[in-house]
């Protein structure tokens, strides 16, 4: 087996990883999709991909999403026909080396409840422990909300570079992020041709935002937030319906969104909008690292 460290994967390498993810989903009954890009990584020169090959066939890979200093979420996939052959252990060892070189002291491993249920000895074999908290993935086929009532006091638009500082300030408060991280997300969301950053204003005051990534021919919504002072007044519903209507005209692709399992208000909102819960994502940590 040959393992390659990749900074920026080629189109072919991304397609191979997507194919492997789909093979794993079919075998495991899983669903969530890793974000196979380094757009939001703090250090974009770091090799965020470890690709394991047997001959010319991709049999396993690891991907690091590292949008905070010294932290990374790790997604690991092994072809079902090549499991229980030491590939996972080998990738974990190489991840340890990569983490040491790039001072990643906090690694969390992403998986799904359905996978752990089908592989009850996985955590013990890989010396991983389940962390508290989980996320729900929801999906919806493309549709148009004809019941959206126009409000002259509300305006939805796509953000541009002149709005980055205002957006970063708003999102930093909404997500309790430091301003540097919020600025990175806002800037990359504006500059990346595969993403659209929407902002909602009320009486010319910025009160909400949401980003959509369409790099995998699906509209993946994230970073949805409404200013605390304007919550509970229907502005979140207006923002969602408006941007979905806009995207329905742009590409007519399906929608995905992720919400914390305990955020019942958001889950209720998305349910009313027609989103269906598809899977529960959980996080693991190596037993020899502090939790």
C-alpha atoms as a PDB file:
ATOM      1  CA  UNK A   1       0.000   0.000   0.000  1.00  0.00           C
ATOM      2  CA  UNK A   2       1.209   3.493  -0.898  1.00  0.00           C
ATOM      3  CA  UNK A   3      -0.048   6.533   1.044  1.00  0.00           C
ATOM      4  CA  UNK A   4       0.224   9.944  -0.606  1.00  0.00           C
ATOM      5  CA  UNK A   5       0.048  13.263   1.216  1.00  0.00           C
ATOM      6  CA  UNK A   6      -1.934  15.708  -0.928  1.00  0.00           C
ATOM      7  CA  UNK A   7      -2.348  19.452  -0.456  1.00  0.00           C
ATOM      8  CA  UNK A   8      -4.687  20.183  -3.363  1.00  0.00           C
ATOM      9  CA  UNK A   9      -6.251  17.079  -4.917  1.00  0.00           C
ATOM     10  CA  UNK A  10      -6.806  16.877  -8.640  1.00  0.00           C
ATOM     11  CA  UNK A  11     -10.279  16.538 -10.103  1.00  0.00           C
ATOM     12  CA  UNK A  12      -9.604  12.814 -10.605  1.00  0.00           C
ATOM     13  CA  UNK A  13      -8.513  12.391  -6.982  1.00  0.00           C
ATOM     14  CA  UNK A  14     -11.631  14.175  -5.713  1.00  0.00           C
ATOM     15  CA  UNK A  15     -13.823  11.983  -7.928  1.00  0.00           C
ATOM     16  CA  UNK A  16     -12.066   8.857  -6.632  1.00  0.00           C
ATOM     17  CA  UNK A  17     -12.683   9.969  -3.034  1.00  0.00           C
ATOM     18  CA  UNK A  18     -16.337  10.705  -3.777  1.00  0.00           C
ATOM     19  CA  UNK A  19     -16.717   7.274  -5.374  1.00  0.00           C
ATOM     20  CA  UNK A  20     -15.166   5.626  -2.304  1.00  0.00           C
ATOM     21  CA  UNK A  21     -17.469   7.576   0.023  1.00  0.00           C
ATOM     22  CA  UNK A  22     -20.477   6.349  -1.958  1.00  0.00           C
ATOM     23  CA  UNK A  23     -19.250   2.739  -1.799  1.00  0.00           C
ATOM     24  CA  UNK A  24     -18.927   3.062   1.987  1.00  0.00           C
ATOM     25  CA  UNK A  25     -22.402   4.615   2.258  1.00  0.00           C
ATOM     26  CA  UNK A  26     -23.937   1.731   0.339  1.00  0.00           C
ATOM     27  CA  UNK A  27     -22.221  -0.800   2.599  1.00  0.00           C
ATOM     28  CA  UNK A  28     -22.840   0.994   5.902  1.00  0.00           C
ATOM     29  CA  UNK A  29     -26.199   2.704   5.374  1.00  0.00           C
ATOM     30  CA  UNK A  30     -24.519   6.043   6.082  1.00  0.00           C
ATOM     31  CA  UNK A  31     -25.156   9.356   4.351  1.00  0.00           C
ATOM     32  CA  UNK A  32     -23.064  12.417   5.332  1.00  0.00           C
ATOM     33  CA  UNK A  33     -20.624  13.889   2.824  1.00  0.00           C
ATOM     34  CA  UNK A  34     -17.138  15.180   3.746  1.00  0.00           C
ATOM     35  CA  UNK A  35     -16.218  18.632   2.458  1.00  0.00           C
ATOM     36  CA  UNK A  36     -13.308  17.662   0.201  1.00  0.00           C
ATOM     37  CA  UNK A  37     -11.609  21.050  -0.088  1.00  0.00           C
ATOM     38  CA  UNK A  38      -9.215  23.236   1.910  1.00  0.00           C
ATOM     39  CA  UNK A  39     -11.124  26.491   1.409  1.00  0.00           C
ATOM     40  CA  UNK A  40     -11.642  27.162   5.121  1.00  0.00           C
ATOM     41  CA  UNK A  41      -8.489  25.544   6.508  1.00  0.00           C
ATOM     42  CA  UNK A  42      -6.271  27.905   8.496  1.00  0.00           C
ATOM     43  CA  UNK A  43      -3.100  26.524   6.890  1.00  0.00           C
ATOM     44  CA  UNK A  44      -3.942  25.816   3.273  1.00  0.00           C
ATOM     45  CA  UNK A  45      -0.383  24.619   2.600  1.00  0.00           C
ATOM     46  CA  UNK A  46      -0.891  21.656   4.944  1.00  0.00           C
ATOM     47  CA  UNK A  47      -1.521  18.299   3.226  1.00  0.00           C
ATOM     48  CA  UNK A  48      -5.141  17.814   4.284  1.00  0.00           C
ATOM     49  CA  UNK A  49      -5.545  14.524   2.392  1.00  0.00           C
ATOM     50  CA  UNK A  50      -3.917  11.132   2.947  1.00  0.00           C
ATOM     51  CA  UNK A  51      -4.750   8.852   0.007  1.00  0.00           C
ATOM     52  CA  UNK A  52      -3.980   5.130   0.285  1.00  0.00           C
ATOM     53  CA  UNK A  53      -3.558   3.167  -2.944  1.00  0.00           C
ATOM     54  CA  UNK A  54      -3.285  -0.485  -3.848  1.00  0.00           C
ATOM     55  CA  UNK A  55      -1.774  -0.445  -7.318  1.00  0.00           C
ATOM     56  CA  UNK A  56      -3.718   2.457  -8.891  1.00  0.00           C
ATOM     57  CA  UNK A  57      -6.914   1.903  -6.892  1.00  0.00           C
ATOM     58  CA  UNK A  58      -7.863   4.188  -4.020  1.00  0.00           C
ATOM     59  CA  UNK A  59      -8.665   1.881  -1.090  1.00  0.00           C
ATOM     60  CA  UNK A  60      -8.743   4.364   1.809  1.00  0.00           C
ATOM     61  CA  UNK A  61      -8.309   8.033   2.595  1.00  0.00           C
ATOM     62  CA  UNK A  62      -8.290  10.533   5.427  1.00  0.00           C
ATOM     63  CA  UNK A  63      -9.301  14.172   5.164  1.00  0.00           C
ATOM     64  CA  UNK A  64      -8.619  16.938   7.690  1.00  0.00           C
ATOM     65  CA  UNK A  65     -10.951  19.923   8.020  1.00  0.00           C
ATOM     66  CA  UNK A  66      -8.864  22.388  10.042  1.00  0.00           C
ATOM     67  CA  UNK A  67     -10.590  25.762  10.284  1.00  0.00           C
ATOM     68  CA  UNK A  68      -9.242  26.542  13.784  1.00  0.00           C
ATOM     69  CA  UNK A  69      -5.580  26.770  14.889  1.00  0.00           C
ATOM     70  CA  UNK A  70      -4.296  23.437  16.273  1.00  0.00           C
ATOM     71  CA  UNK A  71      -7.649  21.704  15.659  1.00  0.00           C
ATOM     72  CA  UNK A  72      -8.969  19.400  12.938  1.00  0.00           C
ATOM     73  CA  UNK A  73     -11.966  17.220  12.205  1.00  0.00           C
ATOM     74  CA  UNK A  74     -10.876  14.008  10.522  1.00  0.00           C
ATOM     75  CA  UNK A  75     -12.964  11.945   8.100  1.00  0.00           C
ATOM     76  CA  UNK A  76     -11.709   8.395   7.410  1.00  0.00           C
ATOM     77  CA  UNK A  77     -12.977   6.003   4.751  1.00  0.00           C
ATOM     78  CA  UNK A  78     -11.810   2.455   3.998  1.00  0.00           C
ATOM     79  CA  UNK A  79     -13.167   0.385   1.130  1.00  0.00           C
ATOM     80  CA  UNK A  80     -15.356  -2.350   2.669  1.00  0.00           C
ATOM     81  CA  UNK A  81     -13.427  -5.091   0.829  1.00  0.00           C
ATOM     82  CA  UNK A  82     -10.195  -3.870   2.449  1.00  0.00           C
ATOM     83  CA  UNK A  83     -11.343  -3.483   6.051  1.00  0.00           C
ATOM     84  CA  UNK A  84      -9.803  -5.429   8.942  1.00  0.00           C
ATOM     85  CA  UNK A  85      -6.479  -5.481   7.097  1.00  0.00           C
ATOM     86  CA  UNK A  86      -4.701  -2.789   9.121  1.00  0.00           C
ATOM     87  CA  UNK A  87      -5.479   0.123   6.764  1.00  0.00           C
ATOM     88  CA  UNK A  88      -7.268   2.149   9.438  1.00  0.00           C
ATOM     89  CA  UNK A  89      -4.421   1.626  11.922  1.00  0.00           C
ATOM     90  CA  UNK A  90      -1.880   2.650   9.294  1.00  0.00           C
ATOM     91  CA  UNK A  91      -3.805   5.831   8.450  1.00  0.00           C
ATOM     92  CA  UNK A  92      -4.164   6.706  12.139  1.00  0.00           C
ATOM     93  CA  UNK A  93      -0.396   6.368  12.584  1.00  0.00           C
ATOM     94  CA  UNK A  94       0.270   8.636   9.614  1.00  0.00           C
ATOM     95  CA  UNK A  95      -2.288  11.115  10.971  1.00  0.00           C
ATOM     96  CA  UNK A  96      -0.360  11.189  14.252  1.00  0.00           C
ATOM     97  CA  UNK A  97       2.803  12.092  12.331  1.00  0.00           C
ATOM     98  CA  UNK A  98       1.004  14.769  10.304  1.00  0.00           C
ATOM     99  CA  UNK A  99      -0.589  16.229  13.443  1.00  0.00           C
ATOM    100  CA  UNK A 100       2.815  16.438  15.153  1.00  0.00           C
ATOM    101  CA  UNK A 101       4.382  18.224  12.170  1.00  0.00           C
ATOM    102  CA  UNK A 102       1.582  20.795  11.929  1.00  0.00           C
ATOM    103  CA  UNK A 103       0.944  21.131  15.685  1.00  0.00           C
ATOM    104  CA  UNK A 104      -2.595  19.784  15.535  1.00  0.00           C
ATOM    105  CA  UNK A 105      -3.172  19.013  19.201  1.00  0.00           C
ATOM    106  CA  UNK A 106      -6.939  18.492  19.032  1.00  0.00           C
ATOM    107  CA  UNK A 107      -8.184  15.882  16.552  1.00  0.00           C
ATOM    108  CA  UNK A 108     -11.800  14.745  16.403  1.00  0.00           C
ATOM    109  CA  UNK A 109     -12.905  11.907  14.144  1.00  0.00           C
ATOM    110  CA  UNK A 110     -16.210  12.191  12.279  1.00  0.00           C
ATOM    111  CA  UNK A 111     -18.528   9.226  11.803  1.00  0.00           C
ATOM    112  CA  UNK A 112     -22.216   8.313  12.007  1.00  0.00           C
ATOM    113  CA  UNK A 113     -24.302   6.505  14.586  1.00  0.00           C
ATOM    114  CA  UNK A 114     -25.476   4.020  11.979  1.00  0.00           C
ATOM    115  CA  UNK A 115     -21.852   3.059  11.212  1.00  0.00           C
ATOM    116  CA  UNK A 116     -20.989   2.517  14.889  1.00  0.00           C
ATOM    117  CA  UNK A 117     -24.127   0.412  15.298  1.00  0.00           C
ATOM    118  CA  UNK A 118     -23.009  -1.873  12.461  1.00  0.00           C
ATOM    119  CA  UNK A 119     -19.381  -1.971  13.672  1.00  0.00           C
ATOM    120  CA  UNK A 120     -19.669  -2.399  17.462  1.00  0.00           C
ATOM    121  CA  UNK A 121     -15.954  -3.157  17.938  1.00  0.00           C
ATOM    122  CA  UNK A 122     -14.701  -0.245  15.800  1.00  0.00           C
ATOM    123  CA  UNK A 123     -13.993   2.186  18.669  1.00  0.00           C
ATOM    124  CA  UNK A 124     -12.215  -0.421  20.790  1.00  0.00           C
ATOM    125  CA  UNK A 125     -10.096  -1.649  17.869  1.00  0.00           C
ATOM    126  CA  UNK A 126      -9.040   1.901  16.919  1.00  0.00           C
ATOM    127  CA  UNK A 127      -8.746   3.148  20.526  1.00  0.00           C
ATOM    128  CA  UNK A 128     -11.390   5.817  19.981  1.00  0.00           C
ATOM    129  CA  UNK A 129     -13.994   7.115  22.431  1.00  0.00           C
ATOM    130  CA  UNK A 130     -17.372   8.709  21.685  1.00  0.00           C
ATOM    131  CA  UNK A 131     -17.650  12.411  22.544  1.00  0.00           C
ATOM    132  CA  UNK A 132     -20.781  14.164  23.770  1.00  0.00           C
ATOM    133  CA  UNK A 133     -22.954  15.969  21.244  1.00  0.00           C
ATOM    134  CA  UNK A 134     -24.007  15.107  17.706  1.00  0.00           C
ATOM    135  CA  UNK A 135     -25.373  16.684  14.531  1.00  0.00           C
ATOM    136  CA  UNK A 136     -28.376  15.896  12.356  1.00  0.00           C
ATOM    137  CA  UNK A 137     -28.108  15.946   8.554  1.00  0.00           C
ATOM    138  CA  UNK A 138     -31.294  17.000   6.794  1.00  0.00           C
ATOM    139  CA  UNK A 139     -32.136  17.033   3.096  1.00  0.00           C
ATOM    140  CA  UNK A 140     -34.805  18.343   0.788  1.00  0.00           C
ATOM    141  CA  UNK A 141     -35.422  18.006  -2.928  1.00  0.00           C
ATOM    142  CA  UNK A 142     -35.421  21.219  -4.921  1.00  0.00           C
ATOM    143  CA  UNK A 143     -38.678  23.135  -4.593  1.00  0.00           C
ATOM    144  CA  UNK A 144     -40.072  26.649  -4.731  1.00  0.00           C
ATOM    145  CA  UNK A 145     -41.956  28.381  -1.916  1.00  0.00           C
ATOM    146  CA  UNK A 146     -44.807  30.134  -3.674  1.00  0.00           C
ATOM    147  CA  UNK A 147     -46.219  31.187  -0.287  1.00  0.00           C
ATOM    148  CA  UNK A 148     -43.308  33.561   0.401  1.00  0.00           C
ATOM    149  CA  UNK A 149     -44.776  36.985   1.098  1.00  0.00           C
ATOM    150  CA  UNK A 150     -42.620  39.874  -0.075  1.00  0.00           C
ATOM    151  CA  UNK A 151     -41.724  42.410   2.604  1.00  0.00           C
ATOM    152  CA  UNK A 152     -40.407  45.800   1.438  1.00  0.00           C
ATOM    153  CA  UNK A 153     -38.469  46.177   4.705  1.00  0.00           C
ATOM    154  CA  UNK A 154     -36.512  42.964   4.016  1.00  0.00           C
ATOM    155  CA  UNK A 155     -33.837  42.510   1.361  1.00  0.00           C
ATOM    156  CA  UNK A 156     -31.907  39.375   0.456  1.00  0.00           C
ATOM    157  CA  UNK A 157     -28.726  39.786  -1.535  1.00  0.00           C
ATOM    158  CA  UNK A 158     -25.440  38.044  -2.249  1.00  0.00           C
ATOM    159  CA  UNK A 159     -22.549  39.437  -0.270  1.00  0.00           C
ATOM    160  CA  UNK A 160     -19.559  41.105  -1.886  1.00  0.00           C
ATOM    161  CA  UNK A 161     -16.079  42.019  -0.646  1.00  0.00           C
ATOM    162  CA  UNK A 162     -17.232  45.364   0.755  1.00  0.00           C
ATOM    163  CA  UNK A 163     -19.423  43.531   3.301  1.00  0.00           C
ATOM    164  CA  UNK A 164     -16.798  41.138   4.688  1.00  0.00           C
ATOM    165  CA  UNK A 165     -16.002  43.074   7.870  1.00  0.00           C
ATOM    166  CA  UNK A 166     -19.667  43.651   8.717  1.00  0.00           C
ATOM    167  CA  UNK A 167     -20.497  40.006   8.064  1.00  0.00           C
ATOM    168  CA  UNK A 168     -17.513  38.816  10.113  1.00  0.00           C
ATOM    169  CA  UNK A 169     -18.582  40.990  13.029  1.00  0.00           C
ATOM    170  CA  UNK A 170     -22.129  39.628  12.882  1.00  0.00           C
ATOM    171  CA  UNK A 171     -21.139  35.971  12.490  1.00  0.00           C
ATOM    172  CA  UNK A 172     -18.453  36.192  15.165  1.00  0.00           C
ATOM    173  CA  UNK A 173     -21.127  37.153  17.669  1.00  0.00           C
ATOM    174  CA  UNK A 174     -23.693  34.664  16.348  1.00  0.00           C
ATOM    175  CA  UNK A 175     -21.365  31.639  16.442  1.00  0.00           C
ATOM    176  CA  UNK A 176     -19.115  32.714  19.335  1.00  0.00           C
ATOM    177  CA  UNK A 177     -16.083  32.555  17.020  1.00  0.00           C
ATOM    178  CA  UNK A 178     -13.053  34.793  17.173  1.00  0.00           C
ATOM    179  CA  UNK A 179     -13.144  37.583  14.616  1.00  0.00           C
ATOM    180  CA  UNK A 180     -10.216  36.104  12.631  1.00  0.00           C
ATOM    181  CA  UNK A 181     -12.077  32.825  12.043  1.00  0.00           C
ATOM    182  CA  UNK A 182     -15.294  34.648  11.153  1.00  0.00           C
ATOM    183  CA  UNK A 183     -13.417  36.866   8.709  1.00  0.00           C
ATOM    184  CA  UNK A 184     -11.821  33.812   7.049  1.00  0.00           C
ATOM    185  CA  UNK A 185     -15.225  32.219   6.514  1.00  0.00           C
ATOM    186  CA  UNK A 186     -16.755  35.409   5.162  1.00  0.00           C
ATOM    187  CA  UNK A 187     -13.847  36.159   2.837  1.00  0.00           C
ATOM    188  CA  UNK A 188     -13.556  32.628   1.460  1.00  0.00           C
ATOM    189  CA  UNK A 189     -17.334  32.361   1.047  1.00  0.00           C
ATOM    190  CA  UNK A 190     -17.323  35.549  -1.030  1.00  0.00           C
ATOM    191  CA  UNK A 191     -14.242  34.672  -3.093  1.00  0.00           C
ATOM    192  CA  UNK A 192     -14.883  30.952  -3.701  1.00  0.00           C
ATOM    193  CA  UNK A 193     -16.793  30.479  -7.001  1.00  0.00           C
ATOM    194  CA  UNK A 194     -18.444  27.328  -5.590  1.00  0.00           C
ATOM    195  CA  UNK A 195     -20.071  29.178  -2.669  1.00  0.00           C
ATOM    196  CA  UNK A 196     -22.676  31.887  -2.298  1.00  0.00           C
ATOM    197  CA  UNK A 197     -22.909  34.004   0.850  1.00  0.00           C
ATOM    198  CA  UNK A 198     -26.393  35.427   1.321  1.00  0.00           C
ATOM    199  CA  UNK A 199     -27.204  38.268   3.705  1.00  0.00           C
ATOM    200  CA  UNK A 200     -30.609  39.451   4.903  1.00  0.00           C
ATOM    201  CA  UNK A 201     -31.190  43.046   5.927  1.00  0.00           C
ATOM    202  CA  UNK A 202     -34.158  44.558   7.739  1.00  0.00           C
ATOM    203  CA  UNK A 203     -34.664  48.282   7.242  1.00  0.00           C
ATOM    204  CA  UNK A 204     -31.115  48.355   5.827  1.00  0.00           C
ATOM    205  CA  UNK A 205     -29.653  46.697   8.942  1.00  0.00           C
ATOM    206  CA  UNK A 206     -27.854  43.363   8.494  1.00  0.00           C
ATOM    207  CA  UNK A 207     -29.717  40.803  10.603  1.00  0.00           C
ATOM    208  CA  UNK A 208     -28.978  37.417   9.042  1.00  0.00           C
ATOM    209  CA  UNK A 209     -26.677  35.400   6.833  1.00  0.00           C
ATOM    210  CA  UNK A 210     -26.249  31.954   5.311  1.00  0.00           C
ATOM    211  CA  UNK A 211     -23.667  30.335   3.033  1.00  0.00           C
ATOM    212  CA  UNK A 212     -24.319  27.742   0.338  1.00  0.00           C
ATOM    213  CA  UNK A 213     -21.672  25.433  -1.083  1.00  0.00           C
ATOM    214  CA  UNK A 214     -22.567  23.879  -4.433  1.00  0.00           C
ATOM    215  CA  UNK A 215     -19.270  22.196  -5.306  1.00  0.00           C
ATOM    216  CA  UNK A 216     -20.754  18.672  -5.296  1.00  0.00           C
ATOM    217  CA  UNK A 217     -23.932  19.403  -7.316  1.00  0.00           C
ATOM    218  CA  UNK A 218     -25.965  19.758  -4.135  1.00  0.00           C
ATOM    219  CA  UNK A 219     -26.762  22.957  -2.252  1.00  0.00           C
ATOM    220  CA  UNK A 220     -25.182  22.488   1.174  1.00  0.00           C
ATOM    221  CA  UNK A 221     -26.360  25.248   3.512  1.00  0.00           C
ATOM    222  CA  UNK A 222     -24.274  26.294   6.516  1.00  0.00           C
ATOM    223  CA  UNK A 223     -23.531  29.322   8.674  1.00  0.00           C
ATOM    224  CA  UNK A 224     -27.237  30.204   8.977  1.00  0.00           C
ATOM    225  CA  UNK A 225     -27.739  32.828  11.681  1.00  0.00           C
ATOM    226  CA  UNK A 226     -30.223  35.500  12.681  1.00  0.00           C
ATOM    227  CA  UNK A 227     -29.283  38.331  15.027  1.00  0.00           C
ATOM    228  CA  UNK A 228     -30.491  37.411  18.525  1.00  0.00           C
ATOM    229  CA  UNK A 229     -32.571  40.587  18.762  1.00  0.00           C
ATOM    230  CA  UNK A 230     -34.553  39.553  15.660  1.00  0.00           C
ATOM    231  CA  UNK A 231     -35.119  35.888  16.414  1.00  0.00           C
ATOM    232  CA  UNK A 232     -38.605  34.480  16.800  1.00  0.00           C
ATOM    233  CA  UNK A 233     -40.103  36.922  14.289  1.00  0.00           C
ATOM    234  CA  UNK A 234     -40.061  34.760  11.167  1.00  0.00           C
ATOM    235  CA  UNK A 235     -36.865  36.206   9.708  1.00  0.00           C
ATOM    236  CA  UNK A 236     -35.115  32.806   9.662  1.00  0.00           C
ATOM    237  CA  UNK A 237     -37.974  31.320   7.665  1.00  0.00           C
ATOM    238  CA  UNK A 238     -37.938  34.283   5.285  1.00  0.00           C
ATOM    239  CA  UNK A 239     -34.168  33.936   4.761  1.00  0.00           C
ATOM    240  CA  UNK A 240     -34.404  30.205   4.090  1.00  0.00           C
ATOM    241  CA  UNK A 241     -37.344  30.427   1.710  1.00  0.00           C
ATOM    242  CA  UNK A 242     -35.826  33.352  -0.178  1.00  0.00           C
ATOM    243  CA  UNK A 243     -32.424  31.792  -0.772  1.00  0.00           C
ATOM    244  CA  UNK A 244     -33.938  28.410  -1.667  1.00  0.00           C
ATOM    245  CA  UNK A 245     -36.193  30.111  -4.234  1.00  0.00           C
ATOM    246  CA  UNK A 246     -33.158  31.912  -5.652  1.00  0.00           C
ATOM    247  CA  UNK A 247     -31.120  28.698  -5.889  1.00  0.00           C
ATOM    248  CA  UNK A 248     -34.043  26.791  -7.370  1.00  0.00           C
ATOM    249  CA  UNK A 249     -33.799  29.147 -10.322  1.00  0.00           C
ATOM    250  CA  UNK A 250     -29.987  28.992 -10.440  1.00  0.00           C
ATOM    251  CA  UNK A 251     -29.351  25.234 -10.401  1.00  0.00           C
ATOM    252  CA  UNK A 252     -32.437  23.279  -9.243  1.00  0.00           C
ATOM    253  CA  UNK A 253     -30.252  20.982  -7.083  1.00  0.00           C
ATOM    254  CA  UNK A 254     -31.251  19.303  -3.830  1.00  0.00           C
ATOM    255  CA  UNK A 255     -30.517  20.879  -0.443  1.00  0.00           C
ATOM    256  CA  UNK A 256     -28.651  19.706   2.643  1.00  0.00           C
ATOM    257  CA  UNK A 257     -28.208  21.308   6.031  1.00  0.00           C
ATOM    258  CA  UNK A 258     -26.619  20.231   9.332  1.00  0.00           C
ATOM    259  CA  UNK A 259     -27.919  21.196  12.772  1.00  0.00           C
ATOM    260  CA  UNK A 260     -26.872  20.307  16.306  1.00  0.00           C
ATOM    261  CA  UNK A 261     -28.988  17.462  17.666  1.00  0.00           C
ATOM    262  CA  UNK A 262     -30.020  19.485  20.729  1.00  0.00           C
ATOM    263  CA  UNK A 263     -31.136  22.521  18.674  1.00  0.00           C
ATOM    264  CA  UNK A 264     -34.805  21.626  18.653  1.00  0.00           C
ATOM    265  CA  UNK A 265     -35.897  25.066  17.427  1.00  0.00           C
ATOM    266  CA  UNK A 266     -33.792  24.789  14.270  1.00  0.00           C
ATOM    267  CA  UNK A 267     -34.880  21.197  13.640  1.00  0.00           C
ATOM    268  CA  UNK A 268     -38.507  22.280  13.980  1.00  0.00           C
ATOM    269  CA  UNK A 269     -37.951  25.170  11.543  1.00  0.00           C
ATOM    270  CA  UNK A 270     -36.329  22.951   8.917  1.00  0.00           C
ATOM    271  CA  UNK A 271     -39.018  20.320   9.371  1.00  0.00           C
ATOM    272  CA  UNK A 272     -41.709  22.908   8.643  1.00  0.00           C
ATOM    273  CA  UNK A 273     -39.791  23.866   5.513  1.00  0.00           C
ATOM    274  CA  UNK A 274     -39.922  20.265   4.295  1.00  0.00           C
ATOM    275  CA  UNK A 275     -36.447  19.044   5.251  1.00  0.00           C
ATOM    276  CA  UNK A 276     -36.142  15.374   6.226  1.00  0.00           C
ATOM    277  CA  UNK A 277     -33.650  14.094   8.822  1.00  0.00           C
ATOM    278  CA  UNK A 278     -31.309  11.567   7.187  1.00  0.00           C
ATOM    279  CA  UNK A 279     -28.516  10.668   9.621  1.00  0.00           C
ATOM    280  CA  UNK A 280     -26.871  11.542  12.941  1.00  0.00           C
ATOM    281  CA  UNK A 281     -23.176  12.483  12.885  1.00  0.00           C
ATOM    282  CA  UNK A 282     -21.053  11.829  15.973  1.00  0.00           C
ATOM    283  CA  UNK A 283     -17.456  12.595  16.949  1.00  0.00           C
ATOM    284  CA  UNK A 284     -14.712  10.407  18.378  1.00  0.00           C
ATOM    285  CA  UNK A 285     -11.396  11.114  20.086  1.00  0.00           C
ATOM    286  CA  UNK A 286      -8.315   8.945  20.513  1.00  0.00           C
ATOM    287  CA  UNK A 287      -8.135   7.379  23.966  1.00  0.00           C
ATOM    288  CA  UNK A 288      -4.529   8.441  24.531  1.00  0.00           C
ATOM    289  CA  UNK A 289      -5.422  12.136  24.067  1.00  0.00           C
ATOM    290  CA  UNK A 290      -7.159  14.354  26.627  1.00  0.00           C
ATOM    291  CA  UNK A 291     -10.897  14.828  26.056  1.00  0.00           C
END
